[in-house]
Amino acid sequence: MSTERRRGRPRDPAVDEAVLRETLAQLDAHGYERLRVADVGRNAGVGLGSLYRRWPTKYALVVEALRAAAPAQALQPTDDPAADLLATLLALAEELRHHGPLLAVLLADPTSEVAAAVREAKLQPLHEATRARLRRITGPAPDLDARAASGPALIFHHHLLHGVPPTEDRIRAEIIPLMTR
């Protein structure tokens, strides 16, 4: 067992939270390309050196901020797998209401750094969480990945077609039955 100690003061979780909140605010206000790490640090009250020790690149900072704001995979499982799946899909729908423009970059500029960050921080964990929750309902179905992808895909499609994500009633009555058949 290593007895190596880190030098300096221990990291303050409140500082991390302030930086991640400010990163999301800057991302929403200015987009990825115009987000400046120096502005994030100044507005969060954190020195640039301290910020870069925690997140060595703007990309790493944005990915961590997006992950911290991703409620769908953070939901704790309960004894009701169907309710857990519904909660995951509802969290995605709510995310679309608030961060739709950020997700729009996936269509507008799919090869950009911000699109890669959104896929890494939001979509991949969402797929893994949806798959795990669906597996608790269906068992190890041979088409589990396709079923897990279908729910979020239908939510995205509804959002693109109607300008708003589907309601809880629509998710419950139309999307979940397609996933669990």
Protein backbone atom coordinates (compact mmCIF):
# COMPACT_ATOMS: atom_id res chain seq x y z
CA MET A 1 0.00 0.00 0.00
CA SER A 2 1.34 3.41 -0.97
CA THR A 3 1.96 5.98 1.71
CA GLU A 4 2.45 8.73 -0.88
CA ARG A 5 0.71 11.95 0.11
CA ARG A 6 -0.49 14.69 -2.19
CA ARG A 7 1.19 18.01 -1.69
CA GLY A 8 -0.79 21.13 -0.88
CA ARG A 9 -4.29 21.56 0.41
CA PRO A 10 -6.98 18.96 -0.26
CA ARG A 11 -9.31 19.80 -3.13
CA ASP A 12 -12.46 21.64 -2.12
CA PRO A 13 -15.56 20.02 -3.71
CA ALA A 14 -17.35 23.40 -3.54
CA VAL A 15 -14.72 24.83 -5.89
CA ASP A 16 -15.28 21.99 -8.36
CA GLU A 17 -19.05 22.53 -8.21
CA ALA A 18 -18.70 26.29 -8.77
CA VAL A 19 -16.40 25.76 -11.75
CA LEU A 20 -18.65 23.11 -13.33
CA ARG A 21 -21.75 25.31 -12.85
CA GLU A 22 -19.97 28.27 -14.40
CA THR A 23 -18.73 26.12 -17.27
CA LEU A 24 -22.31 25.13 -18.09
CA ALA A 25 -23.44 28.75 -17.84
CA GLN A 26 -20.67 29.88 -20.18
CA LEU A 27 -21.41 27.00 -22.54
CA ASP A 28 -25.10 27.92 -22.66
CA ALA A 29 -24.35 31.63 -23.11
CA HIS A 30 -21.48 31.46 -25.60
CA GLY A 31 -21.21 27.94 -27.02
CA TYR A 32 -18.15 25.74 -26.97
CA GLU A 33 -16.05 27.67 -29.47
CA ARG A 34 -16.36 30.98 -27.58
CA LEU A 35 -16.09 29.44 -24.09
CA ARG A 36 -12.92 30.74 -22.46
CA VAL A 37 -11.43 28.83 -19.54
CA ALA A 38 -10.11 32.11 -18.15
CA ASP A 39 -13.68 33.49 -18.00
CA VAL A 40 -14.87 30.36 -16.22
CA GLY A 41 -12.12 30.69 -13.62
CA ARG A 42 -12.66 34.41 -13.09
CA ASN A 43 -16.45 34.06 -12.69
CA ALA A 44 -16.10 31.04 -10.40
CA GLY A 45 -13.42 32.76 -8.32
CA VAL A 46 -10.75 30.18 -9.13
CA GLY A 47 -7.25 30.83 -10.39
CA LEU A 48 -6.32 29.62 -13.84
CA GLY A 49 -3.49 27.44 -12.50
CA SER A 50 -5.84 25.70 -10.09
CA LEU A 51 -8.39 25.21 -12.84
CA TYR A 52 -5.86 23.66 -15.25
CA ARG A 53 -4.52 21.36 -12.49
CA ARG A 54 -8.03 19.93 -12.19
CA TRP A 55 -8.90 19.94 -15.92
CA PRO A 56 -5.88 20.11 -18.24
CA THR A 57 -7.93 21.11 -21.32
CA LYS A 58 -11.12 22.96 -22.17
CA TYR A 59 -12.47 19.69 -23.57
CA ALA A 60 -11.86 17.87 -20.25
CA LEU A 61 -13.57 20.69 -18.36
CA VAL A 62 -16.62 20.66 -20.63
CA VAL A 63 -16.95 16.87 -20.53
CA GLU A 64 -16.81 16.90 -16.72
CA ALA A 65 -19.37 19.73 -16.52
CA LEU A 66 -21.72 17.89 -18.87
CA ARG A 67 -21.32 14.67 -16.90
CA ALA A 68 -22.05 16.48 -13.63
CA ALA A 69 -25.26 17.84 -15.16
CA ALA A 70 -26.41 14.48 -16.56
CA PRO A 71 -29.25 13.33 -14.29
CA ALA A 72 -30.39 10.30 -16.33
CA GLN A 73 -27.55 7.99 -15.36
CA ALA A 74 -27.25 9.39 -11.82
CA LEU A 75 -30.71 8.14 -10.82
CA GLN A 76 -30.43 5.49 -8.16
CA PRO A 77 -32.16 2.18 -9.00
CA THR A 78 -35.24 1.28 -6.99
CA ASP A 79 -37.17 -1.96 -6.58
CA ASP A 80 -39.32 -1.01 -9.60
CA PRO A 81 -37.34 -1.47 -12.85
CA ALA A 82 -40.18 -0.07 -15.00
CA ALA A 83 -40.32 3.10 -12.89
CA ASP A 84 -36.52 3.39 -13.14
CA LEU A 85 -36.66 3.15 -16.95
CA LEU A 86 -39.43 5.76 -17.06
CA ALA A 87 -37.41 8.07 -14.78
CA THR A 88 -34.38 7.74 -17.08
CA LEU A 89 -36.41 8.64 -20.16
CA LEU A 90 -38.14 11.52 -18.37
CA ALA A 91 -34.74 12.88 -17.32
CA LEU A 92 -33.70 12.84 -20.99
CA ALA A 93 -36.88 14.67 -22.01
CA GLU A 94 -36.26 17.28 -19.32
CA GLU A 95 -32.65 17.63 -20.45
CA LEU A 96 -33.88 18.37 -23.97
CA ARG A 97 -36.13 21.12 -22.64
CA HIS A 98 -33.17 22.90 -21.07
CA HIS A 99 -30.18 21.95 -23.19
CA GLY A 100 -31.66 21.30 -26.63
CA PRO A 101 -29.34 23.81 -28.35
CA LEU A 102 -26.30 22.03 -26.95
CA LEU A 103 -27.55 18.72 -28.31
CA ALA A 104 -28.34 20.37 -31.66
CA VAL A 105 -24.61 20.52 -32.31
CA LEU A 106 -24.77 16.76 -32.92
CA LEU A 107 -26.71 17.50 -36.09
CA ALA A 108 -25.12 20.81 -37.02
CA ASP A 109 -21.47 19.90 -36.49
CA PRO A 110 -21.15 16.19 -35.62
CA THR A 111 -17.36 16.07 -35.97
CA SER A 112 -16.67 19.02 -33.67
CA GLU A 113 -15.04 18.81 -30.25
CA VAL A 114 -18.26 19.85 -28.54
CA ALA A 115 -20.21 17.09 -30.34
CA ALA A 116 -17.61 14.58 -29.15
CA ALA A 117 -17.94 15.98 -25.61
CA VAL A 118 -21.75 15.66 -25.73
CA ARG A 119 -21.49 12.07 -26.96
CA GLU A 120 -18.91 11.17 -24.31
CA ALA A 121 -20.55 12.94 -21.37
CA LYS A 122 -24.25 12.64 -22.16
CA LEU A 123 -25.18 10.08 -24.81
CA GLN A 124 -22.88 7.19 -23.97
CA PRO A 125 -23.72 7.24 -20.24
CA LEU A 126 -27.43 7.65 -21.12
CA HIS A 127 -27.28 4.58 -23.37
CA GLU A 128 -25.50 2.55 -20.70
CA ALA A 129 -28.02 3.60 -18.03
CA THR A 130 -30.99 2.92 -20.30
CA ARG A 131 -29.56 -0.46 -21.28
CA ALA A 132 -28.98 -1.46 -17.63
CA ARG A 133 -32.49 -0.41 -16.59
CA LEU A 134 -34.08 -2.12 -19.57
CA ARG A 135 -32.14 -5.32 -18.92
CA ARG A 136 -33.71 -5.48 -15.46
CA ILE A 137 -37.10 -5.67 -17.22
CA THR A 138 -36.39 -7.82 -20.28
CA GLY A 139 -33.45 -9.91 -19.18
CA PRO A 140 -30.55 -10.51 -21.58
CA ALA A 141 -32.55 -9.99 -24.80
CA PRO A 142 -30.51 -10.48 -28.00
CA ASP A 143 -31.64 -7.06 -29.27
CA LEU A 144 -31.09 -5.25 -25.95
CA ASP A 145 -28.84 -2.56 -27.45
CA ALA A 146 -31.37 -1.74 -30.18
CA ARG A 147 -34.20 -1.60 -27.67
CA ALA A 148 -32.18 0.62 -25.34
CA ALA A 149 -31.39 2.96 -28.23
CA SER A 150 -34.99 3.09 -29.42
CA GLY A 151 -36.40 4.95 -26.40
CA PRO A 152 -34.02 7.90 -26.50
CA ALA A 153 -34.18 7.89 -30.31
CA LEU A 154 -37.97 8.24 -30.22
CA ILE A 155 -37.69 11.04 -27.66
CA PHE A 156 -35.17 12.88 -29.86
CA HIS A 157 -37.34 12.30 -32.92
CA HIS A 158 -40.42 13.67 -31.18
CA HIS A 159 -38.43 16.71 -30.09
CA LEU A 160 -37.17 17.33 -33.63
CA LEU A 161 -40.62 16.84 -35.16
CA HIS A 162 -42.70 18.80 -32.65
CA GLY A 163 -40.21 21.21 -31.07
CA VAL A 164 -40.77 19.74 -27.61
CA PRO A 165 -39.97 16.37 -26.06
CA PRO A 166 -42.84 13.92 -25.52
CA THR A 167 -44.93 14.08 -22.37
CA GLU A 168 -44.69 11.56 -19.57
CA ASP A 169 -47.99 10.03 -20.71
CA ARG A 170 -46.67 9.54 -24.25
CA ILE A 171 -43.40 8.03 -23.00
CA ARG A 172 -45.32 5.70 -20.71
CA ALA A 173 -47.99 4.68 -23.25
CA GLU A 174 -45.99 4.57 -26.51
CA ILE A 175 -42.24 4.46 -26.03
CA ILE A 176 -41.76 2.11 -23.08
CA PRO A 177 -44.05 -0.59 -24.58
CA LEU A 178 -41.95 -0.56 -27.77
CA MET A 179 -38.79 -0.98 -25.73
CA THR A 180 -40.09 -3.76 -23.50
CA ARG A 181 -41.98 -5.96 -25.97
